[in-house]
Amino acid sequence: MMKNALNIPDPKPISTLNEEPMPHVIVGDEAFGLSENIMRPYGGKNLTVTKKIFNYRLSRARRYIECTFGILSNKWRIFHRPLNVKLDLAQNIIKSCCILHNFVRARDGYRYDDTLTVQGLENIENTNMTRGSQTAQTVRDKYANYFVTDGEVEWQYSKI
């Protein structure tokens, strides 16, 4: 990630009202260092409403990702251990499992049992990276502003 080896797409506008390109980002938590492509929550207690909304939206996205992966790994045992394969094969395995999951769900319907005993993503140790560069902080601030302007959803204020 730090060596720009992930082939992350070029920045693109996230709103039709604001044409400024924004970098694609990976959702992280407090264990991750803030960077231009890794977003982590704002720290502290006396946060502005904008920062609280950003933290809520980021943590909500992370919970959905963890739950989704947990459901996928619950159904397909290959995800119970690290995938020690080349990147192309790992991508094909993940895509295949997603396609099979959707097929089974379309054929059999939603099964509540599939969501039980969800094994989410593994926790990683804190990297002790906290602040991030000025560029990374600016990117986070711009996303935070987006969540209370063009990207606002009416129910978010009742969640903070």
N, C-alpha and C. Protein backbone atom coordinates (compact mmCIF):
# COMPACT_ATOMS: atom_id res chain seq x y z
N MET A 1 0.82 -1.19 0.00
CA MET A 1 0.00 0.00 0.00
C MET A 1 0.87 1.25 0.00
N MET A 2 1.84 1.26 0.89
CA MET A 2 2.70 2.44 0.99
C MET A 2 3.59 2.60 -0.24
N LYS A 3 3.81 1.52 -0.97
CA LYS A 3 4.66 1.58 -2.16
C LYS A 3 3.83 1.76 -3.43
N ASN A 4 2.53 2.05 -3.27
CA ASN A 4 1.62 2.24 -4.40
C ASN A 4 1.60 1.04 -5.33
N ALA A 5 1.60 -0.16 -4.77
CA ALA A 5 1.63 -1.37 -5.57
C ALA A 5 0.24 -1.99 -5.75
N LEU A 6 -0.81 -1.36 -5.24
CA LEU A 6 -2.14 -1.94 -5.30
C LEU A 6 -2.93 -1.58 -6.56
N ASN A 7 -2.36 -0.76 -7.41
CA ASN A 7 -3.04 -0.38 -8.65
C ASN A 7 -4.41 0.26 -8.36
N ILE A 8 -4.43 1.17 -7.41
CA ILE A 8 -5.66 1.88 -7.06
C ILE A 8 -6.01 2.82 -8.21
N PRO A 9 -7.29 2.86 -8.62
CA PRO A 9 -7.68 3.75 -9.73
C PRO A 9 -7.34 5.21 -9.44
N ASP A 10 -7.20 5.96 -10.50
CA ASP A 10 -6.94 7.40 -10.36
C ASP A 10 -8.12 8.08 -9.67
N PRO A 11 -7.87 9.20 -9.00
CA PRO A 11 -8.96 9.95 -8.36
C PRO A 11 -10.05 10.33 -9.35
N LYS A 12 -11.30 10.35 -8.86
CA LYS A 12 -12.46 10.72 -9.68
C LYS A 12 -13.40 11.57 -8.83
N PRO A 13 -14.21 12.41 -9.47
CA PRO A 13 -15.22 13.17 -8.71
C PRO A 13 -16.22 12.21 -8.06
N ILE A 14 -16.65 12.52 -6.84
CA ILE A 14 -17.64 11.68 -6.16
C ILE A 14 -19.02 12.30 -6.20
N SER A 15 -19.13 13.45 -6.82
CA SER A 15 -20.40 14.15 -6.87
C SER A 15 -20.52 14.90 -8.19
N THR A 16 -21.74 15.00 -8.69
CA THR A 16 -21.96 15.80 -9.90
C THR A 16 -21.93 17.29 -9.57
N LEU A 17 -22.08 17.63 -8.31
CA LEU A 17 -22.06 19.03 -7.90
C LEU A 17 -20.65 19.55 -7.66
N ASN A 18 -19.72 18.64 -7.43
CA ASN A 18 -18.33 19.02 -7.19
C ASN A 18 -17.44 18.16 -8.08
N GLU A 19 -16.83 18.78 -9.05
CA GLU A 19 -16.02 18.06 -10.04
C GLU A 19 -14.60 17.74 -9.56
N GLU A 20 -14.25 18.12 -8.33
CA GLU A 20 -12.90 17.87 -7.85
C GLU A 20 -12.66 16.36 -7.70
N PRO A 21 -11.61 15.85 -8.33
CA PRO A 21 -11.31 14.41 -8.19
C PRO A 21 -10.91 14.07 -6.75
N MET A 22 -11.43 12.96 -6.26
CA MET A 22 -11.09 12.47 -4.92
C MET A 22 -10.47 11.09 -5.06
N PRO A 23 -9.46 10.79 -4.24
CA PRO A 23 -8.83 9.47 -4.34
C PRO A 23 -9.77 8.37 -3.84
N HIS A 24 -9.64 7.19 -4.44
CA HIS A 24 -10.32 6.01 -3.93
C HIS A 24 -9.65 5.65 -2.60
N VAL A 25 -10.45 5.20 -1.64
CA VAL A 25 -9.90 4.94 -0.32
C VAL A 25 -10.30 3.56 0.19
N ILE A 26 -9.51 3.08 1.12
CA ILE A 26 -9.79 1.83 1.83
C ILE A 26 -10.26 2.22 3.23
N VAL A 27 -11.31 1.56 3.69
CA VAL A 27 -11.87 1.86 5.01
C VAL A 27 -11.02 1.17 6.07
N GLY A 28 -10.54 1.94 7.02
CA GLY A 28 -9.74 1.39 8.10
C GLY A 28 -10.32 1.78 9.45
N ASP A 29 -9.71 1.30 10.49
CA ASP A 29 -10.10 1.72 11.84
C ASP A 29 -8.88 2.29 12.53
N GLU A 30 -8.94 2.39 13.85
CA GLU A 30 -7.87 3.04 14.60
C GLU A 30 -6.53 2.31 14.48
N ALA A 31 -6.55 1.04 14.08
CA ALA A 31 -5.31 0.28 13.95
C ALA A 31 -4.50 0.71 12.73
N PHE A 32 -5.15 1.38 11.80
CA PHE A 32 -4.47 1.78 10.57
C PHE A 32 -3.97 3.21 10.67
N GLY A 33 -2.91 3.48 9.97
CA GLY A 33 -2.43 4.84 9.85
C GLY A 33 -3.23 5.56 8.77
N LEU A 34 -3.47 6.83 8.98
CA LEU A 34 -4.17 7.65 7.99
C LEU A 34 -3.24 7.91 6.82
N SER A 35 -3.72 7.67 5.62
CA SER A 35 -2.95 8.01 4.42
C SER A 35 -3.93 8.48 3.36
N GLU A 36 -3.42 8.89 2.23
CA GLU A 36 -4.29 9.40 1.17
C GLU A 36 -5.29 8.35 0.70
N ASN A 37 -4.95 7.07 0.81
CA ASN A 37 -5.84 6.01 0.37
C ASN A 37 -6.36 5.12 1.48
N ILE A 38 -6.04 5.42 2.74
CA ILE A 38 -6.59 4.69 3.88
C ILE A 38 -7.23 5.71 4.81
N MET A 39 -8.53 5.59 4.99
CA MET A 39 -9.25 6.49 5.88
C MET A 39 -9.48 5.81 7.21
N ARG A 40 -9.23 6.54 8.26
CA ARG A 40 -9.49 6.08 9.62
C ARG A 40 -10.32 7.15 10.31
N PRO A 41 -11.01 6.80 11.39
CA PRO A 41 -11.84 7.79 12.09
C PRO A 41 -11.02 8.93 12.68
N TYR A 42 -11.69 10.04 12.90
CA TYR A 42 -11.09 11.13 13.66
C TYR A 42 -10.97 10.67 15.10
N GLY A 43 -9.91 11.05 15.78
CA GLY A 43 -9.74 10.72 17.18
C GLY A 43 -10.23 11.87 18.06
N GLY A 44 -10.36 11.60 19.33
CA GLY A 44 -10.75 12.65 20.27
C GLY A 44 -12.19 12.54 20.71
N LYS A 45 -12.55 13.40 21.65
CA LYS A 45 -13.89 13.35 22.23
C LYS A 45 -14.77 14.51 21.81
N ASN A 46 -14.23 15.70 21.72
CA ASN A 46 -15.04 16.89 21.41
C ASN A 46 -15.02 17.16 19.91
N LEU A 47 -15.60 16.23 19.16
CA LEU A 47 -15.59 16.35 17.70
C LEU A 47 -16.75 17.20 17.21
N THR A 48 -16.55 17.84 16.08
CA THR A 48 -17.63 18.58 15.44
C THR A 48 -18.66 17.59 14.90
N VAL A 49 -19.84 18.08 14.56
CA VAL A 49 -20.88 17.23 13.98
C VAL A 49 -20.36 16.60 12.69
N THR A 50 -19.67 17.37 11.88
CA THR A 50 -19.13 16.85 10.62
C THR A 50 -18.18 15.68 10.87
N LYS A 51 -17.32 15.80 11.85
CA LYS A 51 -16.38 14.72 12.16
C LYS A 51 -17.10 13.51 12.76
N LYS A 52 -18.12 13.74 13.57
CA LYS A 52 -18.90 12.63 14.13
C LYS A 52 -19.62 11.87 13.02
N ILE A 53 -20.18 12.61 12.06
CA ILE A 53 -20.86 11.98 10.92
C ILE A 53 -19.86 11.16 10.12
N PHE A 54 -18.69 11.72 9.86
CA PHE A 54 -17.66 10.98 9.13
C PHE A 54 -17.33 9.68 9.86
N ASN A 55 -17.09 9.77 11.16
CA ASN A 55 -16.75 8.57 11.94
C ASN A 55 -17.88 7.54 11.88
N TYR A 56 -19.12 8.01 11.98
CA TYR A 56 -20.26 7.10 11.91
C TYR A 56 -20.32 6.40 10.55
N ARG A 57 -20.20 7.18 9.48
CA ARG A 57 -20.30 6.61 8.13
C ARG A 57 -19.15 5.65 7.85
N LEU A 58 -17.96 5.98 8.31
CA LEU A 58 -16.80 5.11 8.12
C LEU A 58 -16.97 3.80 8.89
N SER A 59 -17.40 3.90 10.15
CA SER A 59 -17.56 2.69 10.96
C SER A 59 -18.72 1.85 10.44
N ARG A 60 -19.75 2.48 9.91
CA ARG A 60 -20.87 1.75 9.33
C ARG A 60 -20.41 0.97 8.10
N ALA A 61 -19.62 1.61 7.26
CA ALA A 61 -19.09 0.92 6.08
C ALA A 61 -18.23 -0.27 6.51
N ARG A 62 -17.40 -0.07 7.51
CA ARG A 62 -16.53 -1.16 7.98
C ARG A 62 -17.35 -2.32 8.54
N ARG A 63 -18.40 -2.01 9.30
CA ARG A 63 -19.25 -3.08 9.84
C ARG A 63 -19.91 -3.88 8.72
N TYR A 64 -20.39 -3.19 7.69
CA TYR A 64 -21.01 -3.89 6.56
C TYR A 64 -20.00 -4.78 5.85
N ILE A 65 -18.80 -4.29 5.66
CA ILE A 65 -17.75 -5.07 5.01
C ILE A 65 -17.43 -6.31 5.84
N GLU A 66 -17.26 -6.14 7.14
CA GLU A 66 -16.95 -7.27 8.01
C GLU A 66 -18.08 -8.28 8.02
N CYS A 67 -19.31 -7.81 8.07
CA CYS A 67 -20.46 -8.72 8.08
C CYS A 67 -20.56 -9.47 6.76
N THR A 68 -20.38 -8.75 5.67
CA THR A 68 -20.44 -9.38 4.34
C THR A 68 -19.37 -10.44 4.19
N PHE A 69 -18.15 -10.11 4.58
CA PHE A 69 -17.08 -11.10 4.49
C PHE A 69 -17.34 -12.26 5.44
N GLY A 70 -17.89 -11.97 6.60
CA GLY A 70 -18.21 -13.03 7.55
C GLY A 70 -19.22 -14.01 6.98
N ILE A 71 -20.25 -13.49 6.33
CA ILE A 71 -21.26 -14.35 5.71
C ILE A 71 -20.62 -15.19 4.60
N LEU A 72 -19.79 -14.55 3.80
CA LEU A 72 -19.11 -15.26 2.71
C LEU A 72 -18.20 -16.36 3.25
N SER A 73 -17.44 -16.04 4.29
CA SER A 73 -16.52 -17.04 4.84
C SER A 73 -17.26 -18.13 5.60
N ASN A 74 -18.44 -17.81 6.11
CA ASN A 74 -19.26 -18.82 6.77
C ASN A 74 -19.74 -19.86 5.77
N LYS A 75 -20.02 -19.42 4.58
CA LYS A 75 -20.55 -20.32 3.54
C LYS A 75 -19.44 -21.07 2.82
N TRP A 76 -18.31 -20.43 2.60
CA TRP A 76 -17.23 -21.02 1.81
C TRP A 76 -15.99 -21.18 2.68
N ARG A 77 -15.67 -22.40 3.01
CA ARG A 77 -14.61 -22.72 3.96
C ARG A 77 -13.22 -22.29 3.51
N ILE A 78 -13.07 -22.01 2.25
CA ILE A 78 -11.75 -21.60 1.76
C ILE A 78 -11.26 -20.33 2.46
N PHE A 79 -12.23 -19.54 2.97
CA PHE A 79 -11.87 -18.29 3.64
C PHE A 79 -11.56 -18.47 5.13
N HIS A 80 -11.53 -19.70 5.61
CA HIS A 80 -11.22 -19.95 7.02
C HIS A 80 -9.72 -19.91 7.29
N ARG A 81 -8.96 -19.74 6.24
CA ARG A 81 -7.50 -19.66 6.38
C ARG A 81 -6.98 -18.66 5.35
N PRO A 82 -5.76 -18.22 5.51
CA PRO A 82 -5.20 -17.29 4.52
C PRO A 82 -5.15 -17.92 3.13
N LEU A 83 -5.38 -17.10 2.12
CA LEU A 83 -5.25 -17.57 0.73
C LEU A 83 -3.80 -17.41 0.31
N ASN A 84 -3.06 -18.47 0.35
CA ASN A 84 -1.65 -18.42 -0.03
C ASN A 84 -1.51 -18.75 -1.50
N VAL A 85 -2.06 -17.88 -2.33
CA VAL A 85 -2.03 -18.07 -3.78
C VAL A 85 -1.66 -16.74 -4.44
N LYS A 86 -1.40 -16.79 -5.73
CA LYS A 86 -1.09 -15.57 -6.47
C LYS A 86 -2.33 -14.68 -6.52
N LEU A 87 -2.10 -13.38 -6.69
CA LEU A 87 -3.17 -12.40 -6.66
C LEU A 87 -4.27 -12.71 -7.66
N ASP A 88 -3.92 -13.06 -8.89
CA ASP A 88 -4.93 -13.36 -9.90
C ASP A 88 -5.85 -14.50 -9.46
N LEU A 89 -5.27 -15.55 -8.90
CA LEU A 89 -6.07 -16.68 -8.44
C LEU A 89 -6.93 -16.27 -7.24
N ALA A 90 -6.39 -15.48 -6.33
CA ALA A 90 -7.17 -15.01 -5.18
C ALA A 90 -8.38 -14.20 -5.65
N GLN A 91 -8.17 -13.33 -6.64
CA GLN A 91 -9.29 -12.55 -7.18
C GLN A 91 -10.34 -13.47 -7.79
N ASN A 92 -9.90 -14.48 -8.53
CA ASN A 92 -10.85 -15.42 -9.14
C ASN A 92 -11.60 -16.24 -8.09
N ILE A 93 -10.92 -16.62 -7.02
CA ILE A 93 -11.57 -17.36 -5.94
C ILE A 93 -12.66 -16.50 -5.30
N ILE A 94 -12.33 -15.25 -5.00
CA ILE A 94 -13.29 -14.35 -4.36
C ILE A 94 -14.48 -14.09 -5.28
N LYS A 95 -14.21 -13.79 -6.55
CA LYS A 95 -15.30 -13.56 -7.52
C LYS A 95 -16.17 -14.80 -7.66
N SER A 96 -15.56 -15.96 -7.74
CA SER A 96 -16.31 -17.21 -7.88
C SER A 96 -17.22 -17.44 -6.68
N CYS A 97 -16.71 -17.21 -5.49
CA CYS A 97 -17.51 -17.38 -4.29
C CYS A 97 -18.67 -16.39 -4.25
N CYS A 98 -18.43 -15.16 -4.69
CA CYS A 98 -19.51 -14.16 -4.73
C CYS A 98 -20.59 -14.59 -5.72
N ILE A 99 -20.17 -15.06 -6.89
CA ILE A 99 -21.13 -15.51 -7.90
C ILE A 99 -21.92 -16.71 -7.38
N LEU A 100 -21.22 -17.68 -6.80
CA LEU A 100 -21.90 -18.85 -6.24
C LEU A 100 -22.85 -18.46 -5.11
N HIS A 101 -22.41 -17.54 -4.26
CA HIS A 101 -23.27 -17.06 -3.17
C HIS A 101 -24.56 -16.47 -3.74
N ASN A 102 -24.43 -15.60 -4.75
CA ASN A 102 -25.61 -14.98 -5.35
C ASN A 102 -26.50 -16.02 -6.03
N PHE A 103 -25.90 -17.00 -6.69
CA PHE A 103 -26.67 -18.07 -7.33
C PHE A 103 -27.46 -18.86 -6.29
N VAL A 104 -26.78 -19.30 -5.24
CA VAL A 104 -27.44 -20.08 -4.19
C VAL A 104 -28.55 -19.25 -3.54
N ARG A 105 -28.28 -17.99 -3.31
CA ARG A 105 -29.29 -17.13 -2.68
C ARG A 105 -30.50 -16.94 -3.59
N ALA A 106 -30.27 -16.79 -4.90
CA ALA A 106 -31.38 -16.65 -5.84
C ALA A 106 -32.18 -17.95 -5.92
N ARG A 107 -31.48 -19.07 -5.86
CA ARG A 107 -32.14 -20.37 -5.96
C ARG A 107 -32.86 -20.75 -4.67
N ASP A 108 -32.19 -20.57 -3.53
CA ASP A 108 -32.72 -21.05 -2.26
C ASP A 108 -33.35 -19.96 -1.40
N GLY A 109 -33.13 -18.72 -1.75
CA GLY A 109 -33.64 -17.62 -0.93
C GLY A 109 -32.68 -17.31 0.21
N TYR A 110 -33.05 -16.33 0.98
CA TYR A 110 -32.24 -15.88 2.11
C TYR A 110 -32.37 -16.88 3.24
N ARG A 111 -31.24 -17.28 3.81
CA ARG A 111 -31.25 -18.19 4.95
C ARG A 111 -30.61 -17.47 6.14
N TYR A 112 -31.39 -17.26 7.17
CA TYR A 112 -30.90 -16.57 8.35
C TYR A 112 -29.71 -17.31 8.96
N ASP A 113 -29.71 -18.64 8.89
CA ASP A 113 -28.61 -19.44 9.46
C ASP A 113 -27.26 -19.06 8.86
N ASP A 114 -27.27 -18.58 7.61
CA ASP A 114 -26.01 -18.19 6.97
C ASP A 114 -25.35 -17.00 7.65
N THR A 115 -26.11 -16.25 8.41
CA THR A 115 -25.56 -15.05 9.05
C THR A 115 -25.11 -15.31 10.48
N LEU A 116 -25.37 -16.50 10.99
CA LEU A 116 -25.01 -16.81 12.37
C LEU A 116 -23.54 -17.22 12.46
N THR A 117 -22.99 -17.06 13.62
CA THR A 117 -21.58 -17.37 13.89
C THR A 117 -20.68 -16.83 12.80
N VAL A 118 -20.87 -15.57 12.54
CA VAL A 118 -20.09 -14.91 11.50
C VAL A 118 -18.66 -14.72 11.96
N GLN A 119 -17.73 -15.15 11.13
CA GLN A 119 -16.32 -14.90 11.39
C GLN A 119 -15.91 -13.73 10.52
N GLY A 120 -15.66 -12.60 11.13
CA GLY A 120 -15.30 -11.41 10.37
C GLY A 120 -13.83 -11.37 10.05
N LEU A 121 -13.38 -10.21 9.72
CA LEU A 121 -11.97 -10.02 9.41
C LEU A 121 -11.15 -10.11 10.68
N GLU A 122 -9.93 -10.54 10.56
CA GLU A 122 -9.06 -10.61 11.73
C GLU A 122 -8.63 -9.22 12.15
N ASN A 123 -8.55 -9.02 13.45
CA ASN A 123 -8.02 -7.76 13.96
C ASN A 123 -6.52 -7.74 13.74
N ILE A 124 -6.01 -6.56 13.45
CA ILE A 124 -4.56 -6.44 13.31
C ILE A 124 -4.05 -5.55 14.43
N GLU A 125 -2.77 -5.66 14.68
CA GLU A 125 -2.18 -4.86 15.73
C GLU A 125 -2.12 -3.41 15.30
N ASN A 126 -2.24 -2.53 16.27
CA ASN A 126 -2.16 -1.11 16.01
C ASN A 126 -0.79 -0.78 15.43
N THR A 127 -0.80 -0.01 14.35
CA THR A 127 0.45 0.35 13.69
C THR A 127 1.10 1.57 14.33
N ASN A 128 0.44 2.16 15.32
CA ASN A 128 0.93 3.35 16.00
C ASN A 128 1.11 4.54 15.06
N MET A 129 0.46 4.50 13.94
CA MET A 129 0.47 5.66 13.04
C MET A 129 -0.83 6.41 13.32
N THR A 130 -0.74 7.64 13.69
CA THR A 130 -1.95 8.33 14.10
C THR A 130 -2.34 9.47 13.17
N ARG A 131 -1.50 10.46 13.00
CA ARG A 131 -1.93 11.68 12.33
C ARG A 131 -2.01 11.58 10.82
N GLY A 132 -1.03 11.04 10.18
CA GLY A 132 -1.03 11.03 8.73
C GLY A 132 -0.51 12.34 8.18
N SER A 133 -0.26 12.37 6.90
CA SER A 133 0.27 13.57 6.26
C SER A 133 -0.81 14.64 6.15
N GLN A 134 -0.40 15.84 5.83
CA GLN A 134 -1.36 16.93 5.63
C GLN A 134 -2.29 16.60 4.47
N THR A 135 -1.74 15.97 3.42
CA THR A 135 -2.57 15.57 2.28
C THR A 135 -3.63 14.57 2.71
N ALA A 136 -3.26 13.59 3.53
CA ALA A 136 -4.20 12.59 4.01
C ALA A 136 -5.29 13.23 4.87
N GLN A 137 -4.90 14.17 5.73
CA GLN A 137 -5.88 14.86 6.56
C GLN A 137 -6.84 15.68 5.71
N THR A 138 -6.32 16.30 4.65
CA THR A 138 -7.17 17.09 3.75
C THR A 138 -8.17 16.19 3.04
N VAL A 139 -7.71 15.02 2.57
CA VAL A 139 -8.62 14.07 1.91
C VAL A 139 -9.72 13.66 2.88
N ARG A 140 -9.36 13.33 4.11
CA ARG A 140 -10.37 12.93 5.10
C ARG A 140 -11.35 14.07 5.35
N ASP A 141 -10.85 15.28 5.49
CA ASP A 141 -11.73 16.44 5.70
C ASP A 141 -12.69 16.64 4.54
N LYS A 142 -12.21 16.41 3.32
CA LYS A 142 -13.07 16.57 2.14
C LYS A 142 -14.16 15.50 2.11
N TYR A 143 -13.81 14.27 2.46
CA TYR A 143 -14.84 13.23 2.55
C TYR A 143 -15.83 13.55 3.67
N ALA A 144 -15.33 14.04 4.79
CA ALA A 144 -16.21 14.41 5.90
C ALA A 144 -17.19 15.49 5.46
N ASN A 145 -16.69 16.48 4.73
CA ASN A 145 -17.55 17.55 4.23
C ASN A 145 -18.57 17.00 3.23
N TYR A 146 -18.16 16.07 2.39
CA TYR A 146 -19.07 15.45 1.42
C TYR A 146 -20.23 14.76 2.14
N PHE A 147 -19.96 14.10 3.26
CA PHE A 147 -21.00 13.38 3.99
C PHE A 147 -22.04 14.29 4.63
N VAL A 148 -21.75 15.58 4.74
CA VAL A 148 -22.75 16.52 5.30
C VAL A 148 -23.23 17.50 4.24
N THR A 149 -22.85 17.28 2.98
CA THR A 149 -23.34 18.12 1.88
C THR A 149 -23.95 17.21 0.81
N ASP A 150 -23.28 17.06 -0.31
CA ASP A 150 -23.82 16.28 -1.43
C ASP A 150 -24.10 14.82 -1.08
N GLY A 151 -23.31 14.23 -0.21
CA GLY A 151 -23.47 12.82 0.15
C GLY A 151 -24.27 12.59 1.42
N GLU A 152 -24.95 13.61 1.88
CA GLU A 152 -25.73 13.52 3.12
C GLU A 152 -26.92 12.57 2.95
N VAL A 153 -27.20 11.82 3.99
CA VAL A 153 -28.42 11.01 4.06
C VAL A 153 -29.19 11.47 5.30
N GLU A 154 -30.49 11.57 5.17
CA GLU A 154 -31.29 12.22 6.22
C GLU A 154 -31.22 11.55 7.58
N TRP A 155 -31.03 10.25 7.63
CA TRP A 155 -31.06 9.52 8.90
C TRP A 155 -29.74 9.57 9.66
N GLN A 156 -28.67 10.05 9.05
CA GLN A 156 -27.35 9.97 9.70
C GLN A 156 -27.26 10.78 10.99
N TYR A 157 -28.00 11.87 11.09
CA TYR A 157 -27.90 12.72 12.27
C TYR A 157 -28.50 12.07 13.51
N SER A 158 -29.45 11.16 13.29
CA SER A 158 -30.04 10.47 14.45
C SER A 158 -29.13 9.37 14.99
N LYS A 159 -28.03 9.09 14.30
CA LYS A 159 -27.14 8.01 14.69
C LYS A 159 -25.92 8.47 15.48
N ILE A 160 -25.73 9.79 15.59
CA ILE A 160 -24.55 10.27 16.31
C ILE A 160 -24.91 10.77 17.70
